[in-house]
Amino acid sequence: MNLLLSFVAILTLLGAAIMAGAFAAFSNFIMGALARLPDEWALSAMQSINVVVLNRWFLGVFAGTAVLSLILAGLALWNGTNFESILLMAAAIAYFGGCFLVTGLGNVPLNEAIANLDAASPRSASLWHDYLDRWTWLNSVRTFASSLCVLLIAISLLVQDHPK
């Protein structure tokens, strides 16, 4: 593996690891904590989270890692069809498809659907419960995909220095 490919792989690994941790926190305990609150409070809290998360740091790591995964895929393809390159391609697909696309096609539309709900409305409670289940499931997919990306890149970096 050449230096540029290794550097992009490590940056992608770092970004995916940060995202995996953030997503794991949400799936593991944040959404569960919100589910224990009265519906009105939980919905209001999630509406606030969905506004605050749109910041440079989060979006930079999230989208930057998606861009890096595309670059990683291209560099891995350029590197040939050796085992390390196949692992890196799989890692890039895991992050881009299982994290970035799932977010854009799944989590974001759900966030937009609750953005302007009146949290005090009785109708909002049923929408909140549907949102909670669907969003958490999709978020768990993102957690798995980001974690898989980290694992595949780590394996590719470990095997690159060992004799075949």
Protein backbone atom coordinates (compact mmCIF):
# COMPACT_ATOMS: atom_id res chain seq x y z
CA MET A 1 0.00 0.00 0.00
CA ASN A 2 1.47 3.36 -0.93
CA LEU A 3 1.81 6.33 1.42
CA LEU A 4 -1.10 8.33 -0.04
CA LEU A 5 -3.45 5.36 0.16
CA SER A 6 -2.36 4.65 3.74
CA PHE A 7 -2.85 8.30 4.71
CA VAL A 8 -6.37 8.47 3.21
CA ALA A 9 -7.20 5.12 4.81
CA ILE A 10 -6.15 6.37 8.24
CA LEU A 11 -8.11 9.62 7.89
CA THR A 12 -11.17 7.67 6.74
CA LEU A 13 -10.75 5.26 9.67
CA LEU A 14 -10.57 8.19 12.10
CA GLY A 15 -13.67 9.88 10.69
CA ALA A 16 -15.64 6.63 10.60
CA ALA A 17 -14.60 5.86 14.18
CA ILE A 18 -15.81 9.25 15.39
CA MET A 19 -19.11 8.77 13.58
CA ALA A 20 -19.49 5.20 14.85
CA GLY A 21 -19.08 6.47 18.40
CA ALA A 22 -21.61 9.25 17.96
CA PHE A 23 -24.14 6.93 16.32
CA ALA A 24 -23.56 4.21 18.92
CA ALA A 25 -24.25 6.67 21.72
CA PHE A 26 -27.57 7.59 20.16
CA SER A 27 -28.67 4.00 19.52
CA ASN A 28 -27.40 2.71 22.85
CA PHE A 29 -28.61 5.26 25.36
CA ILE A 30 -29.64 8.70 24.08
CA MET A 31 -32.74 7.51 22.22
CA GLY A 32 -33.58 5.22 25.16
CA ALA A 33 -33.33 8.17 27.53
CA LEU A 34 -35.61 10.22 25.28
CA ALA A 35 -38.10 7.34 25.17
CA ARG A 36 -38.38 7.52 28.97
CA LEU A 37 -39.40 11.18 28.90
CA PRO A 38 -42.94 12.42 28.38
CA ASP A 39 -43.60 12.48 24.63
CA GLU A 40 -43.81 16.27 24.46
CA TRP A 41 -40.43 16.71 26.13
CA ALA A 42 -38.78 13.96 24.12
CA LEU A 43 -40.01 15.34 20.81
CA SER A 44 -38.92 18.85 21.75
CA ALA A 45 -35.49 17.55 22.78
CA MET A 46 -35.04 15.65 19.51
CA GLN A 47 -36.16 18.68 17.50
CA SER A 48 -33.49 20.69 19.31
CA ILE A 49 -30.82 18.00 18.75
CA ASN A 50 -31.64 17.96 15.04
CA VAL A 51 -30.99 21.71 14.83
CA VAL A 52 -27.84 21.74 16.96
CA VAL A 53 -26.24 18.79 15.13
CA LEU A 54 -26.10 20.84 11.94
CA ASN A 55 -22.77 22.42 12.86
CA ARG A 56 -19.40 22.62 11.14
CA TRP A 57 -17.71 20.05 13.33
CA PHE A 58 -20.30 17.29 12.99
CA LEU A 59 -21.07 17.94 9.34
CA GLY A 60 -17.36 18.29 8.55
CA VAL A 61 -16.52 14.89 10.00
CA PHE A 62 -19.67 13.23 8.64
CA ALA A 63 -19.48 14.60 5.07
CA GLY A 64 -15.68 14.76 5.04
CA THR A 65 -15.52 11.05 5.79
CA ALA A 66 -17.98 10.38 2.96
CA VAL A 67 -15.70 12.30 0.57
CA LEU A 68 -12.66 10.48 1.94
CA SER A 69 -14.41 7.15 1.46
CA LEU A 70 -14.94 7.96 -2.22
CA ILE A 71 -11.28 8.97 -2.56
CA LEU A 72 -10.29 5.80 -0.71
CA ALA A 73 -12.36 3.69 -3.09
CA GLY A 74 -10.72 5.33 -6.10
CA LEU A 75 -7.21 4.93 -4.71
CA ALA A 76 -7.89 1.32 -3.72
CA LEU A 77 -9.20 0.58 -7.21
CA TRP A 78 -6.09 2.22 -8.69
CA ASN A 79 -3.94 0.11 -6.36
CA GLY A 80 -5.20 -3.12 -7.93
CA THR A 81 -7.21 -6.12 -6.84
CA ASN A 82 -5.04 -7.29 -3.96
CA PHE A 83 -6.53 -8.24 -0.60
CA GLU A 84 -5.81 -4.84 0.99
CA SER A 85 -7.49 -2.98 -1.86
CA ILE A 86 -10.57 -5.19 -1.67
CA LEU A 87 -10.82 -4.51 2.08
CA LEU A 88 -10.50 -0.76 1.47
CA MET A 89 -13.15 -0.84 -1.26
CA ALA A 90 -15.50 -2.71 1.07
CA ALA A 91 -14.77 -0.19 3.84
CA ALA A 92 -15.56 2.73 1.52
CA ILE A 93 -18.81 1.09 0.39
CA ALA A 94 -19.76 0.38 4.01
CA TYR A 95 -19.34 4.01 5.05
CA PHE A 96 -20.74 5.68 1.97
CA GLY A 97 -23.69 3.33 1.53
CA GLY A 98 -24.45 2.28 5.08
CA CYS A 99 -23.79 5.62 6.72
CA PHE A 100 -23.93 8.53 4.29
CA LEU A 101 -26.73 7.25 2.03
CA VAL A 102 -28.78 5.83 4.91
CA THR A 103 -28.59 9.23 6.56
CA GLY A 104 -29.67 11.11 3.45
CA LEU A 105 -32.40 8.69 2.43
CA GLY A 106 -33.61 7.62 5.87
CA ASN A 107 -32.69 9.67 8.93
CA VAL A 108 -32.84 13.13 7.34
CA PRO A 109 -36.37 12.68 5.93
CA LEU A 110 -37.50 11.46 9.36
CA ASN A 111 -35.89 14.50 10.98
CA GLU A 112 -37.61 16.80 8.51
CA ALA A 113 -40.95 15.12 9.21
CA ILE A 114 -40.80 16.03 12.90
CA ALA A 115 -39.08 19.41 12.53
CA ASN A 116 -42.21 21.53 12.64
CA LEU A 117 -44.49 19.34 14.73
CA ASP A 118 -46.18 20.93 17.71
CA ALA A 119 -44.75 18.82 20.51
CA ALA A 120 -47.82 19.48 22.67
CA SER A 121 -50.25 18.13 20.06
CA PRO A 122 -51.75 14.69 20.87
CA ARG A 123 -51.18 13.66 17.21
CA SER A 124 -47.47 14.34 17.61
CA ALA A 125 -47.16 11.62 20.27
CA SER A 126 -47.96 8.81 17.83
CA LEU A 127 -45.67 10.35 15.20
CA TRP A 128 -42.93 10.59 17.82
CA HIS A 129 -43.20 6.89 18.70
CA ASP A 130 -43.03 5.88 15.02
CA TYR A 131 -40.08 8.23 14.52
CA LEU A 132 -38.28 6.87 17.59
CA ASP A 133 -38.44 3.27 16.39
CA ARG A 134 -37.61 3.92 12.73
CA TRP A 135 -34.89 6.51 13.39
CA THR A 136 -33.17 4.34 16.00
CA TRP A 137 -33.19 1.32 13.68
CA LEU A 138 -31.68 3.35 10.84
CA ASN A 139 -29.16 4.84 13.24
CA SER A 140 -28.13 1.35 14.30
CA VAL A 141 -27.47 0.57 10.63
CA ARG A 142 -25.24 3.67 10.50
CA THR A 143 -23.44 2.53 13.65
CA PHE A 144 -22.80 -0.91 12.18
CA ALA A 145 -21.70 0.47 8.79
CA SER A 146 -19.28 2.99 10.33
CA SER A 147 -17.88 0.34 12.66
CA LEU A 148 -17.48 -2.08 9.77
CA CYS A 149 -15.60 0.59 7.83
CA VAL A 150 -13.21 1.03 10.77
CA LEU A 151 -12.69 -2.71 11.12
CA LEU A 152 -12.02 -3.29 7.42
CA ILE A 153 -9.52 -0.44 7.21
CA ALA A 154 -7.77 -1.62 10.37
CA ILE A 155 -7.46 -5.13 8.95
CA SER A 156 -6.13 -3.75 5.65
CA LEU A 157 -3.48 -1.76 7.52
CA LEU A 158 -2.51 -4.78 9.62
CA VAL A 159 -2.13 -7.17 6.71
CA GLN A 160 -0.21 -4.77 4.46
CA ASP A 161 3.07 -5.29 6.28
CA HIS A 162 2.84 -9.05 6.63
CA PRO A 163 4.22 -11.46 4.08
CA LYS A 164 1.64 -12.98 1.81
